[in-house]
Amino acid sequence: MFSFITYLLFSVVELIAWIFYLAGEYDFPKFYFVYVGYWGTLTTYWIGPLFAIIHLAETLLGDPANFPGSWTLFLMITGLGLWIVHGLLHIFFVDAFVEYIESQPVKPCVCDLPEVRKFSGTKDDDSKMQFEDA
């Protein structure tokens, strides 16, 4: 259960951050990949396989032939494999990804509101009404 929660917390949100990246929004993916995804993956993905190892050692008395030994082995091996693969992906690719994001040109601000001229305070009443309406 803990592995499911960590995968949900980190991997699913990373998928959402990747979708933001594909849409051209770079701030959230950059923050999430560098801080939350990177450190969350490295520090929490090993806890699920640790629980599987403890279950195998204590509850199943170290014998995977006891029920549900094969499931425990699957959780342990798959969890450790995912931890290693995801950790290496973050270690090797996050820095390059951040460099790529920082090299992208800044999007121009698109404003659909009319530009308001500065009001000096000495105009007639019609100008004051137009300024207040804007």
C-alpha atoms as a PDB file:
ATOM      1  CA  MET A   1       0.000   0.000   0.000  1.00  0.00           C
ATOM      2  CA  PHE A   2       2.836   2.378   0.837  1.00  0.00           C
ATOM      3  CA  SER A   3       4.408   1.821  -2.593  1.00  0.00           C
ATOM      4  CA  PHE A   4       1.112   2.665  -4.256  1.00  0.00           C
ATOM      5  CA  ILE A   5       0.851   5.910  -2.285  1.00  0.00           C
ATOM      6  CA  THR A   6       4.424   6.950  -3.103  1.00  0.00           C
ATOM      7  CA  TYR A   7       3.959   6.134  -6.789  1.00  0.00           C
ATOM      8  CA  LEU A   8       0.702   8.057  -6.790  1.00  0.00           C
ATOM      9  CA  LEU A   9       2.234  10.994  -4.951  1.00  0.00           C
ATOM     10  CA  PHE A  10       5.335  11.267  -7.110  1.00  0.00           C
ATOM     11  CA  SER A  11       4.859   9.515 -10.463  1.00  0.00           C
ATOM     12  CA  VAL A  12       1.307  10.631 -11.206  1.00  0.00           C
ATOM     13  CA  VAL A  13       2.074  14.231 -10.302  1.00  0.00           C
ATOM     14  CA  GLU A  14       5.219  14.003 -12.453  1.00  0.00           C
ATOM     15  CA  LEU A  15       3.008  12.876 -15.324  1.00  0.00           C
ATOM     16  CA  ILE A  16       0.823  15.929 -14.750  1.00  0.00           C
ATOM     17  CA  ALA A  17       3.954  18.121 -14.646  1.00  0.00           C
ATOM     18  CA  TRP A  18       5.087  16.554 -17.925  1.00  0.00           C
ATOM     19  CA  ILE A  19       1.729  17.444 -19.488  1.00  0.00           C
ATOM     20  CA  PHE A  20       2.245  21.027 -18.280  1.00  0.00           C
ATOM     21  CA  TYR A  21       5.667  20.950 -19.955  1.00  0.00           C
ATOM     22  CA  LEU A  22       4.182  19.718 -23.230  1.00  0.00           C
ATOM     23  CA  ALA A  23       1.654  22.557 -23.069  1.00  0.00           C
ATOM     24  CA  GLY A  24       4.503  25.080 -22.803  1.00  0.00           C
ATOM     25  CA  GLU A  25       4.194  25.875 -19.108  1.00  0.00           C
ATOM     26  CA  TYR A  26       7.660  25.359 -17.643  1.00  0.00           C
ATOM     27  CA  ASP A  27       7.503  26.677 -14.076  1.00  0.00           C
ATOM     28  CA  PHE A  28       5.621  23.811 -12.414  1.00  0.00           C
ATOM     29  CA  PRO A  29       7.583  20.992 -14.141  1.00  0.00           C
ATOM     30  CA  LYS A  30      10.901  22.652 -13.361  1.00  0.00           C
ATOM     31  CA  PHE A  31      10.032  23.012  -9.669  1.00  0.00           C
ATOM     32  CA  TYR A  32       8.511  19.557  -9.354  1.00  0.00           C
ATOM     33  CA  PHE A  33      11.216  17.626 -11.219  1.00  0.00           C
ATOM     34  CA  VAL A  34      14.074  19.354  -9.400  1.00  0.00           C
ATOM     35  CA  TYR A  35      12.747  19.236  -5.844  1.00  0.00           C
ATOM     36  CA  VAL A  36       9.743  17.031  -5.176  1.00  0.00           C
ATOM     37  CA  GLY A  37      10.124  14.371  -7.864  1.00  0.00           C
ATOM     38  CA  TYR A  38      13.904  14.058  -7.605  1.00  0.00           C
ATOM     39  CA  TRP A  39      14.208  13.825  -3.843  1.00  0.00           C
ATOM     40  CA  GLY A  40      10.889  12.061  -3.346  1.00  0.00           C
ATOM     41  CA  THR A  41      11.877   9.300  -5.729  1.00  0.00           C
ATOM     42  CA  LEU A  42      15.318   8.836  -4.209  1.00  0.00           C
ATOM     43  CA  THR A  43      14.178   8.896  -0.597  1.00  0.00           C
ATOM     44  CA  THR A  44      10.835   7.075  -0.548  1.00  0.00           C
ATOM     45  CA  TYR A  45      10.695   4.452  -3.330  1.00  0.00           C
ATOM     46  CA  TRP A  46      12.840   2.048  -1.281  1.00  0.00           C
ATOM     47  CA  ILE A  47      10.432   1.928   1.660  1.00  0.00           C
ATOM     48  CA  GLY A  48       7.861  -0.309  -0.069  1.00  0.00           C
ATOM     49  CA  PRO A  49      10.422  -3.000  -0.953  1.00  0.00           C
ATOM     50  CA  LEU A  50      11.793  -2.751   2.594  1.00  0.00           C
ATOM     51  CA  PHE A  51       8.356  -3.641   3.940  1.00  0.00           C
ATOM     52  CA  ALA A  52       8.248  -6.591   1.532  1.00  0.00           C
ATOM     53  CA  ILE A  53      11.654  -7.763   2.794  1.00  0.00           C
ATOM     54  CA  ILE A  54      10.468  -7.457   6.408  1.00  0.00           C
ATOM     55  CA  HIS A  55       7.279  -9.371   5.537  1.00  0.00           C
ATOM     56  CA  LEU A  56       9.306 -12.111   3.885  1.00  0.00           C
ATOM     57  CA  ALA A  57      11.738 -12.346   6.790  1.00  0.00           C
ATOM     58  CA  GLU A  58       9.319 -12.109   9.716  1.00  0.00           C
ATOM     59  CA  THR A  59       5.866 -13.219   8.635  1.00  0.00           C
ATOM     60  CA  LEU A  60       6.881 -15.849   6.085  1.00  0.00           C
ATOM     61  CA  LEU A  61       9.896 -16.952   8.161  1.00  0.00           C
ATOM     62  CA  GLY A  62      12.269 -16.343   5.236  1.00  0.00           C
ATOM     63  CA  ASP A  63      10.623 -18.991   3.051  1.00  0.00           C
ATOM     64  CA  PRO A  64       9.040 -17.667  -0.166  1.00  0.00           C
ATOM     65  CA  ALA A  65       7.244 -21.008  -0.564  1.00  0.00           C
ATOM     66  CA  ASN A  66       4.851 -19.928   2.190  1.00  0.00           C
ATOM     67  CA  PHE A  67       1.764 -18.074   1.010  1.00  0.00           C
ATOM     68  CA  PRO A  68       1.989 -15.258  -0.326  1.00  0.00           C
ATOM     69  CA  GLY A  69       5.732 -15.649  -0.847  1.00  0.00           C
ATOM     70  CA  SER A  70       5.701 -15.287  -4.619  1.00  0.00           C
ATOM     71  CA  TRP A  71       3.731 -12.044  -4.351  1.00  0.00           C
ATOM     72  CA  THR A  72       6.133 -10.752  -1.722  1.00  0.00           C
ATOM     73  CA  LEU A  73       9.106 -11.562  -3.954  1.00  0.00           C
ATOM     74  CA  PHE A  74       7.400  -9.808  -6.856  1.00  0.00           C
ATOM     75  CA  LEU A  75       6.802  -6.678  -4.759  1.00  0.00           C
ATOM     76  CA  MET A  76      10.351  -6.711  -3.442  1.00  0.00           C
ATOM     77  CA  ILE A  77      12.121  -7.220  -6.791  1.00  0.00           C
ATOM     78  CA  THR A  78       9.841  -4.926  -8.782  1.00  0.00           C
ATOM     79  CA  GLY A  79       9.954  -2.204  -6.148  1.00  0.00           C
ATOM     80  CA  LEU A  80      13.736  -2.238  -5.929  1.00  0.00           C
ATOM     81  CA  GLY A  81      13.977  -2.244  -9.726  1.00  0.00           C
ATOM     82  CA  LEU A  82      11.636   0.721 -10.035  1.00  0.00           C
ATOM     83  CA  TRP A  83      13.535   2.589  -7.333  1.00  0.00           C
ATOM     84  CA  ILE A  84      16.837   2.066  -9.164  1.00  0.00           C
ATOM     85  CA  VAL A  85      15.471   2.905 -12.615  1.00  0.00           C
ATOM     86  CA  HIS A  86      13.521   5.987 -11.525  1.00  0.00           C
ATOM     87  CA  GLY A  87      16.387   7.195  -9.362  1.00  0.00           C
ATOM     88  CA  LEU A  88      18.869   6.876 -12.237  1.00  0.00           C
ATOM     89  CA  LEU A  89      16.479   8.624 -14.612  1.00  0.00           C
ATOM     90  CA  HIS A  90      16.226  11.551 -12.216  1.00  0.00           C
ATOM     91  CA  ILE A  91      19.955  11.664 -11.519  1.00  0.00           C
ATOM     92  CA  PHE A  92      20.975  11.631 -15.187  1.00  0.00           C
ATOM     93  CA  PHE A  93      18.215  13.611 -16.877  1.00  0.00           C
ATOM     94  CA  VAL A  94      16.837  16.274 -14.514  1.00  0.00           C
ATOM     95  CA  ASP A  95      19.854  18.591 -14.862  1.00  0.00           C
ATOM     96  CA  ALA A  96      19.696  18.438 -18.666  1.00  0.00           C
ATOM     97  CA  PHE A  97      15.960  19.019 -18.562  1.00  0.00           C
ATOM     98  CA  VAL A  98      16.382  22.120 -16.385  1.00  0.00           C
ATOM     99  CA  GLU A  99      19.079  23.460 -18.732  1.00  0.00           C
ATOM    100  CA  TYR A 100      16.721  22.934 -21.664  1.00  0.00           C
ATOM    101  CA  ILE A 101      13.870  24.737 -19.892  1.00  0.00           C
ATOM    102  CA  GLU A 102      16.124  27.672 -18.986  1.00  0.00           C
ATOM    103  CA  SER A 103      17.296  27.983 -22.603  1.00  0.00           C
ATOM    104  CA  GLN A 104      13.738  28.413 -23.883  1.00  0.00           C
ATOM    105  CA  PRO A 105      12.732  31.970 -24.811  1.00  0.00           C
ATOM    106  CA  VAL A 106      10.401  33.716 -22.406  1.00  0.00           C
ATOM    107  CA  LYS A 107       6.827  33.784 -23.617  1.00  0.00           C
ATOM    108  CA  PRO A 108       5.571  37.266 -24.405  1.00  0.00           C
ATOM    109  CA  CYS A 109       2.771  38.515 -22.213  1.00  0.00           C
ATOM    110  CA  VAL A 110      -0.519  38.403 -24.069  1.00  0.00           C
ATOM    111  CA  CYS A 111      -2.945  40.868 -22.563  1.00  0.00           C
ATOM    112  CA  ASP A 112      -6.466  41.247 -23.927  1.00  0.00           C
ATOM    113  CA  LEU A 113      -7.350  44.275 -21.793  1.00  0.00           C
ATOM    114  CA  PRO A 114      -7.167  47.737 -23.369  1.00  0.00           C
ATOM    115  CA  GLU A 115      -4.192  49.813 -22.369  1.00  0.00           C
ATOM    116  CA  VAL A 116      -5.081  52.644 -20.001  1.00  0.00           C
ATOM    117  CA  ARG A 117      -3.318  55.940 -20.423  1.00  0.00           C
ATOM    118  CA  LYS A 118      -1.859  57.535 -17.342  1.00  0.00           C
ATOM    119  CA  PHE A 119      -4.242  60.043 -15.806  1.00  0.00           C
ATOM    120  CA  SER A 120      -2.695  63.317 -14.820  1.00  0.00           C
ATOM    121  CA  GLY A 121      -5.694  64.533 -12.797  1.00  0.00           C
ATOM    122  CA  THR A 122      -6.115  67.833 -14.698  1.00  0.00           C
ATOM    123  CA  LYS A 123      -8.393  66.665 -17.499  1.00  0.00           C
ATOM    124  CA  ASP A 124     -12.045  67.434 -17.895  1.00  0.00           C
ATOM    125  CA  ASP A 125     -14.891  65.367 -16.431  1.00  0.00           C
ATOM    126  CA  ASP A 126     -15.308  63.202 -19.570  1.00  0.00           C
ATOM    127  CA  SER A 127     -11.670  62.043 -19.337  1.00  0.00           C
ATOM    128  CA  LYS A 128     -12.116  61.298 -15.647  1.00  0.00           C
ATOM    129  CA  MET A 129     -15.201  59.161 -16.377  1.00  0.00           C
ATOM    130  CA  GLN A 130     -13.360  57.280 -19.156  1.00  0.00           C
ATOM    131  CA  PHE A 131     -10.427  56.632 -16.820  1.00  0.00           C
ATOM    132  CA  GLU A 132     -12.702  55.342 -14.078  1.00  0.00           C
ATOM    133  CA  ASP A 133     -14.566  53.090 -16.534  1.00  0.00           C
ATOM    134  CA  ALA A 134     -11.313  51.583 -17.787  1.00  0.00           C
END
